[in-house]
Amino acid sequence: GPLNRTDAMFLLPVTASAIRPSRDLNCIFGVVCSDFGNKKELLAPEYAGSLVELLKAGSVPKEEYGKLTSEGVIQIENPLIYEITYTTEKNKIQWSYIKRFIITDSYIYQFNIGAKTRNTEQLKYESTIFFDSIEIKNKTGE
């Protein structure tokens, strides 16, 4: 059957992950960095499609209110950047999220921003600032 969030987390052999949540008055933000250490061959370009499917399965809530609303490639290589948008309901309030997966040669980064669906314009504005502020450097600082 389809993968659920727990399945996706256990199928990826991550050496270590760090999660950093935050929020402001309108939006919630999250960043996850997963180090694949000595398993980086799993991040090879030929596995990108499978990785994205696992990451999507682990991101979009499967309850009746979770819905993937869009998806697409932002950048194809060096690194691969894939974006999804989805909605869910929490405590009878509709929420919208924008999430980007960035797959490098050793890490998978997940950047997420969300807001109540009624604040979609603010979400779009803040997501532009949020995603434009991301800079990923390799271990040598390049």
Protein backbone atom coordinates (compact mmCIF):
# COMPACT_ATOMS: atom_id res chain seq x y z
CA GLY A 1 0.00 0.00 0.00
CA PRO A 2 0.99 3.66 0.08
CA LEU A 3 3.79 4.73 2.38
CA ASN A 4 2.89 6.65 5.48
CA ARG A 5 5.00 9.22 7.29
CA THR A 6 6.53 6.63 9.64
CA ASP A 7 7.46 4.30 6.76
CA ALA A 8 9.26 7.08 4.91
CA MET A 9 11.31 8.04 7.96
CA PHE A 10 12.50 4.46 8.55
CA LEU A 11 13.33 3.72 4.91
CA LEU A 12 15.94 6.48 4.72
CA PRO A 13 19.18 5.47 6.53
CA VAL A 14 19.97 8.84 8.04
CA THR A 15 23.13 9.23 10.13
CA ALA A 16 21.70 12.25 11.98
CA SER A 17 18.89 14.77 11.60
CA ALA A 18 18.43 18.21 13.08
CA ILE A 19 15.01 19.88 13.28
CA ARG A 20 14.62 23.64 13.80
CA PRO A 21 11.04 24.98 14.15
CA SER A 22 10.13 28.67 14.48
CA ARG A 23 7.14 30.99 14.01
CA ASP A 24 6.05 34.59 13.67
CA LEU A 25 2.61 36.17 13.95
CA ASN A 26 1.36 34.70 10.65
CA CYS A 27 3.54 31.75 9.68
CA ILE A 28 5.26 28.71 11.09
CA PHE A 29 8.64 27.64 9.74
CA GLY A 30 10.60 24.42 9.91
CA VAL A 31 13.98 23.22 8.72
CA VAL A 32 15.20 19.63 8.81
CA CYS A 33 18.73 18.66 7.80
CA SER A 34 19.42 14.94 7.38
CA ASP A 35 23.03 13.77 7.12
CA PHE A 36 23.44 10.65 5.02
CA GLY A 37 27.07 10.25 6.06
CA ASN A 38 28.41 7.01 4.65
CA LYS A 39 25.15 6.25 2.76
CA LYS A 40 25.43 9.14 0.31
CA GLU A 41 25.26 6.76 -2.68
CA LEU A 42 21.49 6.74 -1.99
CA LEU A 43 21.43 10.44 -2.91
CA ALA A 44 22.71 9.75 -6.43
CA PRO A 45 20.69 11.39 -9.23
CA GLU A 46 19.26 8.05 -10.41
CA TYR A 47 17.41 7.72 -7.08
CA ALA A 48 16.04 11.30 -7.04
CA GLY A 49 12.52 10.33 -8.13
CA SER A 50 12.22 7.65 -5.44
CA LEU A 51 13.61 9.99 -2.78
CA VAL A 52 11.13 12.70 -3.69
CA GLU A 53 8.25 10.20 -3.48
CA LEU A 54 9.38 9.10 -0.01
CA LEU A 55 9.78 12.69 1.14
CA LYS A 56 6.32 13.61 -0.16
CA ALA A 57 4.80 10.57 1.56
CA GLY A 58 6.41 11.65 4.82
CA SER A 59 5.28 15.26 4.49
CA VAL A 60 1.65 15.40 3.39
CA PRO A 61 -0.71 14.31 6.19
CA LYS A 62 -2.70 11.22 5.24
CA GLU A 63 -5.80 11.99 7.28
CA GLU A 64 -8.92 12.94 5.33
CA TYR A 65 -8.01 16.63 5.35
CA GLY A 66 -4.44 16.34 4.03
CA LYS A 67 -4.14 17.15 0.32
CA LEU A 68 -1.18 17.68 -2.01
CA THR A 69 -2.13 20.78 -4.03
CA SER A 70 0.91 21.23 -6.30
CA GLU A 71 4.40 19.92 -6.90
CA GLY A 72 7.30 20.56 -9.20
CA VAL A 73 11.02 20.82 -9.79
CA ILE A 74 12.58 24.20 -8.95
CA GLN A 75 16.11 23.18 -9.97
CA ILE A 76 17.09 19.89 -11.60
CA GLU A 77 20.66 19.37 -10.38
CA ASN A 78 23.52 20.58 -8.27
CA PRO A 79 21.50 20.45 -6.01
CA LEU A 80 18.06 19.07 -6.87
CA ILE A 81 15.33 21.35 -5.47
CA TYR A 82 11.74 20.08 -5.43
CA GLU A 83 8.72 21.96 -4.09
CA ILE A 84 5.33 20.77 -2.90
CA THR A 85 2.34 22.65 -1.56
CA TYR A 86 -0.30 20.99 0.55
CA THR A 87 -3.19 21.71 2.86
CA THR A 88 -4.40 20.12 6.05
CA GLU A 89 -6.86 20.83 8.81
CA LYS A 90 -5.92 21.24 12.47
CA ASN A 91 -8.57 21.91 15.12
CA LYS A 92 -11.11 22.71 12.38
CA ILE A 93 -8.80 25.36 10.88
CA GLN A 94 -7.47 24.94 7.31
CA TRP A 95 -3.67 25.34 6.96
CA SER A 96 -1.57 25.69 3.80
CA TYR A 97 2.10 24.75 3.53
CA ILE A 98 4.92 25.20 1.04
CA LYS A 99 7.83 22.78 1.39
CA ARG A 100 11.11 22.49 -0.49
CA PHE A 101 13.36 19.46 -0.53
CA ILE A 102 16.99 20.16 -1.38
CA ILE A 103 19.03 17.04 -2.14
CA THR A 104 22.81 17.48 -2.20
CA ASP A 105 25.54 14.84 -2.40
CA SER A 106 25.43 14.09 1.37
CA TYR A 107 22.36 15.82 2.82
CA ILE A 108 18.64 16.22 2.39
CA TYR A 109 17.30 19.56 3.58
CA GLN A 110 13.58 20.15 4.11
CA PHE A 111 12.39 23.75 4.39
CA ASN A 112 8.73 24.25 5.32
CA ILE A 113 6.55 27.30 5.81
CA GLY A 114 2.86 27.27 6.64
CA ALA A 115 -0.01 29.56 7.59
CA LYS A 116 -3.74 29.46 8.04
CA THR A 117 -5.23 29.17 4.56
CA ARG A 118 -7.08 32.47 5.04
CA ASN A 119 -3.59 34.09 5.17
CA THR A 120 -2.46 32.67 1.83
CA GLU A 121 -1.24 36.02 0.48
CA GLN A 122 0.93 36.55 3.55
CA LEU A 123 2.20 32.97 3.20
CA LYS A 124 3.23 33.61 -0.42
CA TYR A 125 4.99 36.85 0.54
CA GLU A 126 6.84 35.35 3.52
CA SER A 127 7.73 32.17 1.62
CA THR A 128 9.52 34.23 -1.02
CA ILE A 129 11.64 35.89 1.66
CA PHE A 130 12.17 32.58 3.48
CA PHE A 131 13.26 30.58 0.43
CA ASP A 132 15.35 33.43 -1.01
CA SER A 133 17.31 33.57 2.27
CA ILE A 134 18.52 29.96 1.97
CA GLU A 135 22.18 29.46 1.12
CA ILE A 136 23.70 26.00 1.26
CA LYS A 137 27.46 25.70 1.24
CA ASN A 138 29.52 22.55 0.99
CA LYS A 139 31.95 21.57 3.74
CA THR A 140 34.71 23.73 2.25
CA GLY A 141 32.45 26.81 2.41
CA GLU A 142 31.98 27.15 -1.34
